N, C-alpha and C. Protein backbone atom coordinates (compact mmCIF):
# COMPACT_ATOMS: atom_id res chain seq x y z
N MET A 1 52.48 152.56 -25.07
CA MET A 1 53.86 152.35 -25.48
C MET A 1 53.96 151.07 -26.29
N PHE A 2 54.64 151.14 -27.41
CA PHE A 2 54.79 149.99 -28.29
C PHE A 2 55.71 148.94 -27.67
N GLU A 3 55.34 147.68 -27.85
CA GLU A 3 56.15 146.59 -27.34
C GLU A 3 56.31 145.53 -28.43
N PHE A 4 57.55 145.21 -28.79
CA PHE A 4 57.79 144.14 -29.75
C PHE A 4 57.37 142.81 -29.14
N LYS A 5 56.83 141.95 -29.97
CA LYS A 5 56.41 140.62 -29.54
C LYS A 5 57.51 139.61 -29.86
N ASP A 6 57.44 138.46 -29.21
CA ASP A 6 58.41 137.39 -29.44
C ASP A 6 58.00 136.60 -30.68
N MET A 7 58.35 137.13 -31.83
CA MET A 7 58.02 136.49 -33.10
C MET A 7 59.28 136.47 -33.96
N ASP A 8 60.33 135.90 -33.39
CA ASP A 8 61.64 135.91 -34.04
C ASP A 8 61.80 134.82 -35.10
N PHE A 9 60.96 133.80 -35.05
CA PHE A 9 61.02 132.69 -36.01
C PHE A 9 59.59 132.26 -36.31
N ILE A 10 59.22 132.35 -37.59
CA ILE A 10 57.88 131.95 -38.03
C ILE A 10 58.07 131.06 -39.25
N THR A 11 57.38 129.93 -39.28
CA THR A 11 57.55 129.02 -40.41
C THR A 11 56.23 128.38 -40.80
N ASP A 12 56.16 127.97 -42.05
CA ASP A 12 55.02 127.18 -42.53
C ASP A 12 55.47 125.76 -42.90
N GLY A 13 56.72 125.44 -42.58
CA GLY A 13 57.28 124.14 -42.92
C GLY A 13 58.03 124.12 -44.23
N GLU A 14 57.78 125.11 -45.08
CA GLU A 14 58.50 125.23 -46.36
C GLU A 14 59.51 126.37 -46.31
N ILE A 15 59.04 127.53 -45.87
CA ILE A 15 59.93 128.68 -45.71
C ILE A 15 59.85 129.13 -44.26
N ALA A 16 60.80 129.96 -43.88
CA ALA A 16 60.82 130.51 -42.52
C ALA A 16 61.18 131.98 -42.59
N LEU A 17 60.66 132.72 -41.63
CA LEU A 17 61.07 134.11 -41.42
C LEU A 17 61.91 134.12 -40.16
N ARG A 18 63.14 134.61 -40.31
CA ARG A 18 64.08 134.68 -39.19
C ARG A 18 64.40 136.15 -38.94
N ILE A 19 64.13 136.58 -37.71
CA ILE A 19 64.28 138.01 -37.42
C ILE A 19 65.70 138.48 -37.72
N HIS A 20 65.77 139.59 -38.40
CA HIS A 20 67.06 140.23 -38.67
C HIS A 20 67.24 141.45 -37.77
N GLU A 21 66.13 142.18 -37.61
CA GLU A 21 66.22 143.41 -36.82
C GLU A 21 64.82 143.84 -36.39
N LYS A 22 64.73 144.38 -35.18
CA LYS A 22 63.53 145.03 -34.70
C LYS A 22 63.86 146.51 -34.58
N VAL A 23 63.17 147.32 -35.36
CA VAL A 23 63.50 148.74 -35.45
C VAL A 23 62.46 149.55 -34.69
N PRO A 24 62.87 150.25 -33.63
CA PRO A 24 61.90 151.08 -32.91
C PRO A 24 61.41 152.23 -33.78
N GLY A 25 60.26 152.75 -33.45
CA GLY A 25 59.74 153.90 -34.18
C GLY A 25 60.56 155.14 -33.91
N ASN A 26 60.48 156.09 -34.83
CA ASN A 26 61.14 157.37 -34.68
C ASN A 26 60.16 158.45 -35.14
N PRO A 27 59.35 158.98 -34.21
CA PRO A 27 58.32 159.95 -34.59
C PRO A 27 58.86 161.17 -35.33
N GLU A 28 60.07 161.61 -35.00
CA GLU A 28 60.64 162.79 -35.67
C GLU A 28 60.83 162.54 -37.17
N LYS A 29 61.15 161.30 -37.53
CA LYS A 29 61.33 160.95 -38.95
C LYS A 29 60.08 160.31 -39.54
N GLU A 30 59.03 160.25 -38.75
CA GLU A 30 57.77 159.62 -39.14
C GLU A 30 57.96 158.14 -39.46
N PHE A 31 58.82 157.45 -38.68
CA PHE A 31 59.01 156.01 -38.81
C PHE A 31 58.22 155.32 -37.71
N VAL A 32 57.48 154.30 -38.10
CA VAL A 32 56.78 153.46 -37.12
C VAL A 32 57.68 152.27 -36.80
N PRO A 33 57.42 151.56 -35.70
CA PRO A 33 58.21 150.36 -35.40
C PRO A 33 58.09 149.33 -36.52
N ALA A 34 59.16 148.56 -36.70
CA ALA A 34 59.17 147.58 -37.79
C ALA A 34 59.92 146.31 -37.39
N TYR A 35 59.46 145.22 -37.94
CA TYR A 35 60.15 143.93 -37.84
C TYR A 35 60.75 143.66 -39.21
N LYS A 36 62.04 143.31 -39.26
CA LYS A 36 62.71 142.98 -40.51
C LYS A 36 63.20 141.54 -40.42
N TYR A 37 62.84 140.75 -41.42
CA TYR A 37 63.15 139.33 -41.42
C TYR A 37 63.95 138.93 -42.66
N ASN A 38 64.79 137.92 -42.49
CA ASN A 38 65.33 137.19 -43.63
C ASN A 38 64.34 136.08 -43.93
N ILE A 39 64.09 135.87 -45.22
CA ILE A 39 63.29 134.73 -45.65
C ILE A 39 64.27 133.62 -46.01
N THR A 40 64.05 132.43 -45.44
CA THR A 40 64.92 131.29 -45.72
C THR A 40 64.05 130.10 -46.09
N LEU A 41 64.66 129.09 -46.69
CA LEU A 41 63.99 127.81 -46.77
C LEU A 41 63.93 127.28 -45.35
N HIS A 42 62.95 126.46 -45.04
CA HIS A 42 62.71 126.06 -43.65
C HIS A 42 63.95 125.49 -42.95
N ASP A 43 64.68 124.62 -43.62
CA ASP A 43 65.82 123.94 -42.99
C ASP A 43 67.16 124.63 -43.22
N SER A 44 67.12 125.90 -43.60
CA SER A 44 68.34 126.62 -43.92
C SER A 44 68.34 127.97 -43.20
N GLU A 45 69.52 128.50 -43.02
CA GLU A 45 69.62 129.87 -42.50
C GLU A 45 70.07 130.83 -43.59
N GLU A 46 70.28 130.32 -44.79
CA GLU A 46 70.72 131.13 -45.93
C GLU A 46 69.54 131.94 -46.48
N PRO A 47 69.62 133.27 -46.47
CA PRO A 47 68.50 134.08 -46.96
C PRO A 47 68.23 133.87 -48.45
N ILE A 48 66.95 133.77 -48.77
CA ILE A 48 66.50 133.75 -50.17
C ILE A 48 65.74 135.04 -50.48
N GLY A 49 65.59 135.89 -49.47
CA GLY A 49 64.90 137.16 -49.63
C GLY A 49 64.78 137.85 -48.30
N ILE A 50 64.09 138.98 -48.32
CA ILE A 50 63.83 139.73 -47.10
C ILE A 50 62.38 140.19 -47.11
N ILE A 51 61.86 140.42 -45.92
CA ILE A 51 60.49 140.95 -45.78
C ILE A 51 60.45 141.76 -44.50
N ASP A 52 59.67 142.82 -44.51
CA ASP A 52 59.49 143.59 -43.29
C ASP A 52 58.04 143.99 -43.16
N VAL A 53 57.66 144.25 -41.92
CA VAL A 53 56.32 144.76 -41.65
C VAL A 53 56.46 145.94 -40.71
N ARG A 54 55.75 147.01 -41.07
CA ARG A 54 55.75 148.24 -40.29
C ARG A 54 54.42 148.30 -39.53
N ILE A 55 54.51 148.59 -38.24
CA ILE A 55 53.34 148.53 -37.36
C ILE A 55 52.87 149.95 -37.03
N GLY A 56 51.66 150.26 -37.44
CA GLY A 56 51.09 151.57 -37.17
C GLY A 56 50.52 152.19 -38.43
N GLU A 57 50.25 153.47 -38.34
CA GLU A 57 49.68 154.22 -39.46
C GLU A 57 50.31 155.60 -39.52
N ASN A 58 50.63 156.05 -40.71
CA ASN A 58 51.01 157.44 -40.96
C ASN A 58 51.03 157.67 -42.48
N GLU A 59 51.33 158.89 -42.89
CA GLU A 59 51.27 159.22 -44.32
C GLU A 59 52.30 158.42 -45.12
N LYS A 60 53.48 158.19 -44.54
CA LYS A 60 54.50 157.43 -45.28
C LYS A 60 53.98 156.04 -45.64
N LEU A 61 53.22 155.43 -44.76
CA LEU A 61 52.69 154.10 -45.01
C LEU A 61 51.59 154.12 -46.06
N TYR A 62 50.91 155.25 -46.19
CA TYR A 62 49.90 155.40 -47.25
C TYR A 62 50.55 155.14 -48.60
N TYR A 63 51.74 155.67 -48.79
CA TYR A 63 52.45 155.52 -50.07
C TYR A 63 53.39 154.31 -50.09
N GLY A 64 54.00 153.99 -48.95
CA GLY A 64 55.01 152.93 -48.90
C GLY A 64 54.51 151.58 -48.43
N GLY A 65 53.34 151.55 -47.81
CA GLY A 65 52.76 150.29 -47.37
C GLY A 65 53.32 149.78 -46.05
N HIS A 66 52.62 148.79 -45.51
CA HIS A 66 53.03 148.16 -44.26
C HIS A 66 54.02 147.03 -44.48
N ILE A 67 53.91 146.36 -45.62
CA ILE A 67 54.74 145.19 -45.90
C ILE A 67 55.58 145.45 -47.14
N GLY A 68 56.87 145.12 -47.04
CA GLY A 68 57.77 145.20 -48.18
C GLY A 68 58.55 143.90 -48.28
N TYR A 69 58.85 143.47 -49.48
CA TYR A 69 59.55 142.20 -49.66
C TYR A 69 60.38 142.20 -50.94
N ILE A 70 61.41 141.37 -50.93
CA ILE A 70 62.25 141.12 -52.11
C ILE A 70 62.65 139.65 -52.05
N ILE A 71 62.53 138.96 -53.16
CA ILE A 71 62.98 137.58 -53.28
C ILE A 71 64.18 137.57 -54.23
N GLU A 72 65.25 136.90 -53.84
CA GLU A 72 66.42 136.79 -54.70
C GLU A 72 66.02 136.15 -56.03
N GLU A 73 66.61 136.63 -57.10
CA GLU A 73 66.21 136.22 -58.45
C GLU A 73 66.19 134.70 -58.64
N ALA A 74 67.17 133.99 -58.10
CA ALA A 74 67.25 132.54 -58.29
C ALA A 74 66.08 131.80 -57.64
N TYR A 75 65.36 132.44 -56.73
CA TYR A 75 64.28 131.80 -56.00
C TYR A 75 62.89 132.29 -56.42
N ARG A 76 62.84 133.18 -57.40
CA ARG A 76 61.55 133.70 -57.85
C ARG A 76 60.77 132.62 -58.61
N GLY A 77 59.47 132.80 -58.65
CA GLY A 77 58.61 131.85 -59.36
C GLY A 77 58.12 130.70 -58.50
N ASN A 78 58.37 130.77 -57.19
CA ASN A 78 57.94 129.71 -56.27
C ASN A 78 56.88 130.18 -55.28
N ALA A 79 56.35 131.36 -55.49
CA ALA A 79 55.34 131.96 -54.61
C ALA A 79 55.88 132.22 -53.20
N TYR A 80 57.21 132.36 -53.07
CA TYR A 80 57.78 132.61 -51.76
C TYR A 80 57.36 133.97 -51.19
N ALA A 81 57.16 134.96 -52.04
CA ALA A 81 56.74 136.28 -51.54
C ALA A 81 55.35 136.20 -50.91
N SER A 82 54.41 135.55 -51.57
CA SER A 82 53.07 135.45 -50.99
C SER A 82 53.08 134.58 -49.73
N LYS A 83 53.89 133.53 -49.73
CA LYS A 83 53.99 132.68 -48.53
C LYS A 83 54.60 133.47 -47.37
N ALA A 84 55.60 134.27 -47.66
CA ALA A 84 56.23 135.10 -46.62
C ALA A 84 55.24 136.15 -46.11
N CYS A 85 54.44 136.72 -47.00
CA CYS A 85 53.43 137.69 -46.57
C CYS A 85 52.43 137.03 -45.63
N ARG A 86 52.00 135.83 -45.95
CA ARG A 86 51.05 135.13 -45.08
C ARG A 86 51.65 134.92 -43.69
N LEU A 87 52.93 134.58 -43.65
CA LEU A 87 53.59 134.39 -42.36
C LEU A 87 53.71 135.72 -41.61
N ILE A 88 54.13 136.76 -42.29
CA ILE A 88 54.33 138.04 -41.59
C ILE A 88 53.00 138.69 -41.21
N GLY A 89 51.94 138.26 -41.89
CA GLY A 89 50.61 138.72 -41.51
C GLY A 89 50.29 138.38 -40.06
N LYS A 90 50.87 137.29 -39.55
CA LYS A 90 50.67 136.90 -38.15
C LYS A 90 51.23 137.96 -37.21
N VAL A 91 52.30 138.61 -37.61
CA VAL A 91 52.89 139.68 -36.79
C VAL A 91 51.93 140.86 -36.75
N SER A 92 51.39 141.22 -37.90
CA SER A 92 50.42 142.32 -37.94
C SER A 92 49.24 142.03 -37.04
N LYS A 93 48.74 140.80 -37.10
CA LYS A 93 47.55 140.44 -36.31
C LYS A 93 47.80 140.54 -34.81
N VAL A 94 48.98 140.13 -34.34
CA VAL A 94 49.22 140.21 -32.89
C VAL A 94 49.31 141.67 -32.43
N HIS A 95 49.48 142.57 -33.37
CA HIS A 95 49.49 144.00 -33.04
C HIS A 95 48.14 144.65 -33.37
N GLY A 96 47.12 143.82 -33.59
CA GLY A 96 45.77 144.34 -33.80
C GLY A 96 45.50 144.88 -35.19
N MET A 97 46.36 144.58 -36.14
CA MET A 97 46.18 145.07 -37.51
C MET A 97 45.59 143.95 -38.37
N ASP A 98 44.30 144.06 -38.67
CA ASP A 98 43.62 143.07 -39.50
C ASP A 98 43.67 143.42 -40.99
N LYS A 99 44.00 144.66 -41.28
CA LYS A 99 44.14 145.13 -42.65
C LYS A 99 45.47 145.84 -42.78
N VAL A 100 46.19 145.56 -43.86
CA VAL A 100 47.46 146.23 -44.12
C VAL A 100 47.50 146.70 -45.56
N THR A 101 48.34 147.67 -45.81
CA THR A 101 48.55 148.19 -47.15
C THR A 101 49.84 147.61 -47.70
N ILE A 102 49.79 147.18 -48.94
CA ILE A 102 50.98 146.76 -49.68
C ILE A 102 51.02 147.61 -50.94
N THR A 103 52.15 148.23 -51.20
CA THR A 103 52.27 149.06 -52.40
C THR A 103 53.37 148.52 -53.29
N CYS A 104 53.26 148.85 -54.57
CA CYS A 104 54.30 148.49 -55.54
C CYS A 104 54.18 149.42 -56.74
N ASN A 105 55.22 149.42 -57.55
CA ASN A 105 55.18 150.19 -58.78
C ASN A 105 54.13 149.59 -59.71
N PRO A 106 53.43 150.41 -60.47
CA PRO A 106 52.42 149.87 -61.40
C PRO A 106 52.99 148.86 -62.40
N ASP A 107 54.27 148.98 -62.77
CA ASP A 107 54.84 148.05 -63.75
C ASP A 107 55.53 146.85 -63.09
N ASN A 108 55.40 146.70 -61.77
CA ASN A 108 55.98 145.55 -61.07
C ASN A 108 54.93 144.44 -61.05
N TYR A 109 54.80 143.74 -62.18
CA TYR A 109 53.76 142.73 -62.32
C TYR A 109 53.94 141.54 -61.39
N PRO A 110 55.16 141.08 -61.08
CA PRO A 110 55.29 140.00 -60.10
C PRO A 110 54.75 140.40 -58.72
N SER A 111 55.02 141.62 -58.29
CA SER A 111 54.52 142.06 -56.99
C SER A 111 53.00 142.22 -57.03
N ARG A 112 52.48 142.68 -58.14
CA ARG A 112 51.03 142.80 -58.27
C ARG A 112 50.38 141.42 -58.21
N ARG A 113 51.01 140.41 -58.84
CA ARG A 113 50.49 139.05 -58.77
C ARG A 113 50.54 138.52 -57.34
N THR A 114 51.60 138.87 -56.61
CA THR A 114 51.69 138.46 -55.21
C THR A 114 50.51 139.01 -54.43
N CYS A 115 50.21 140.28 -54.62
CA CYS A 115 49.07 140.89 -53.93
C CYS A 115 47.77 140.19 -54.31
N GLU A 116 47.62 139.86 -55.59
CA GLU A 116 46.41 139.18 -56.04
C GLU A 116 46.30 137.78 -55.43
N LYS A 117 47.43 137.05 -55.33
CA LYS A 117 47.42 135.72 -54.69
C LYS A 117 46.97 135.81 -53.24
N LEU A 118 47.32 136.89 -52.58
CA LEU A 118 46.93 137.08 -51.19
C LEU A 118 45.45 137.41 -51.05
N GLY A 119 44.84 137.84 -52.15
CA GLY A 119 43.46 138.30 -52.09
C GLY A 119 43.36 139.76 -51.74
N ALA A 120 44.48 140.47 -51.86
CA ALA A 120 44.47 141.91 -51.59
C ALA A 120 43.71 142.63 -52.70
N GLU A 121 43.07 143.72 -52.33
CA GLU A 121 42.27 144.48 -53.28
C GLU A 121 43.02 145.73 -53.73
N LEU A 122 43.13 145.92 -55.05
CA LEU A 122 43.73 147.14 -55.58
C LEU A 122 42.75 148.28 -55.34
N ILE A 123 43.16 149.21 -54.49
CA ILE A 123 42.30 150.34 -54.13
C ILE A 123 42.47 151.48 -55.13
N GLU A 124 43.73 151.76 -55.47
CA GLU A 124 43.99 152.89 -56.37
C GLU A 124 45.45 152.88 -56.80
N ILE A 125 45.71 153.62 -57.85
CA ILE A 125 47.08 153.94 -58.25
C ILE A 125 47.24 155.43 -57.99
N VAL A 126 48.19 155.76 -57.10
CA VAL A 126 48.35 157.15 -56.66
C VAL A 126 49.62 157.75 -57.22
N ASP A 127 49.56 159.05 -57.47
CA ASP A 127 50.76 159.81 -57.82
C ASP A 127 51.52 160.09 -56.53
N LEU A 128 52.82 159.89 -56.56
CA LEU A 128 53.63 160.15 -55.39
C LEU A 128 53.92 161.65 -55.29
N PRO A 129 53.81 162.22 -54.11
CA PRO A 129 54.15 163.64 -53.95
C PRO A 129 55.66 163.84 -54.07
N GLU A 130 56.06 165.00 -54.53
CA GLU A 130 57.47 165.30 -54.76
C GLU A 130 58.32 165.18 -53.51
N TYR A 131 57.76 165.39 -52.34
CA TYR A 131 58.53 165.31 -51.09
C TYR A 131 58.72 163.86 -50.61
N ASN A 132 58.03 162.91 -51.22
CA ASN A 132 58.11 161.51 -50.79
C ASN A 132 59.46 160.90 -51.18
N ASP A 133 59.99 160.05 -50.29
CA ASP A 133 61.29 159.41 -50.55
C ASP A 133 61.27 158.58 -51.83
N MET A 134 60.18 157.89 -52.10
CA MET A 134 60.11 157.07 -53.32
C MET A 134 60.14 157.95 -54.57
N TYR A 135 59.51 159.12 -54.50
CA TYR A 135 59.56 160.06 -55.61
C TYR A 135 61.00 160.50 -55.86
N LYS A 136 61.72 160.77 -54.77
CA LYS A 136 63.12 161.20 -54.87
C LYS A 136 64.01 160.11 -55.47
N GLU A 137 63.56 158.83 -55.34
CA GLU A 137 64.29 157.70 -55.95
C GLU A 137 63.93 157.50 -57.41
N GLY A 138 63.01 158.32 -57.93
CA GLY A 138 62.66 158.24 -59.34
C GLY A 138 61.31 157.60 -59.63
N LYS A 139 60.62 157.14 -58.60
CA LYS A 139 59.30 156.54 -58.80
C LYS A 139 58.26 157.64 -58.85
N ARG A 140 57.21 157.43 -59.62
CA ARG A 140 56.19 158.46 -59.77
C ARG A 140 54.81 158.03 -59.32
N GLN A 141 54.55 156.72 -59.30
CA GLN A 141 53.24 156.23 -58.89
C GLN A 141 53.40 154.98 -58.04
N ALA A 142 52.33 154.66 -57.31
CA ALA A 142 52.30 153.43 -56.53
C ALA A 142 50.90 152.83 -56.59
N CYS A 143 50.84 151.53 -56.78
CA CYS A 143 49.59 150.79 -56.63
C CYS A 143 49.39 150.57 -55.14
N ARG A 144 48.19 150.88 -54.66
CA ARG A 144 47.86 150.66 -53.24
C ARG A 144 46.88 149.50 -53.14
N TYR A 145 47.35 148.43 -52.51
CA TYR A 145 46.52 147.27 -52.25
C TYR A 145 46.19 147.23 -50.77
N ILE A 146 44.97 146.84 -50.43
CA ILE A 146 44.57 146.60 -49.06
C ILE A 146 44.36 145.10 -48.90
N TRP A 147 45.07 144.52 -47.94
CA TRP A 147 44.96 143.10 -47.67
C TRP A 147 44.30 142.90 -46.32
N THR A 148 43.16 142.24 -46.32
CA THR A 148 42.50 141.87 -45.08
C THR A 148 43.06 140.51 -44.67
N ILE A 149 43.73 140.50 -43.55
CA ILE A 149 44.45 139.29 -43.12
C ILE A 149 43.47 138.31 -42.47
């Protein structure tokens, strides 16, 4: 049985991850448990972005990845996404996940640079199947990176 860990606040002294929601898995919808965080500057509670990590494995994660993030436009260019990934990697590790998948659109060069900063390896660019939620949103391909934490 899955058990959420007490990882509601994680910081590196510059930025912090503050738990927003712990989402239980839903096998019927093929959802695995997830931690959703607001990314803030260390001494602030004002979000500068969001990041989540999904714990487990299934086909949806093959295309959608374990980690997803968005940094507000005014805060981009400060490597906050890669710093937040390093912090959220600690959550993956306490759940026994030493490798995670991060995906992005092939033309999302900032996200691809984030993956490269982490040392993640581009495994492949895959075509999304028509039944996939991302395909239904208009996306057609995803870069699949594997990050060894």
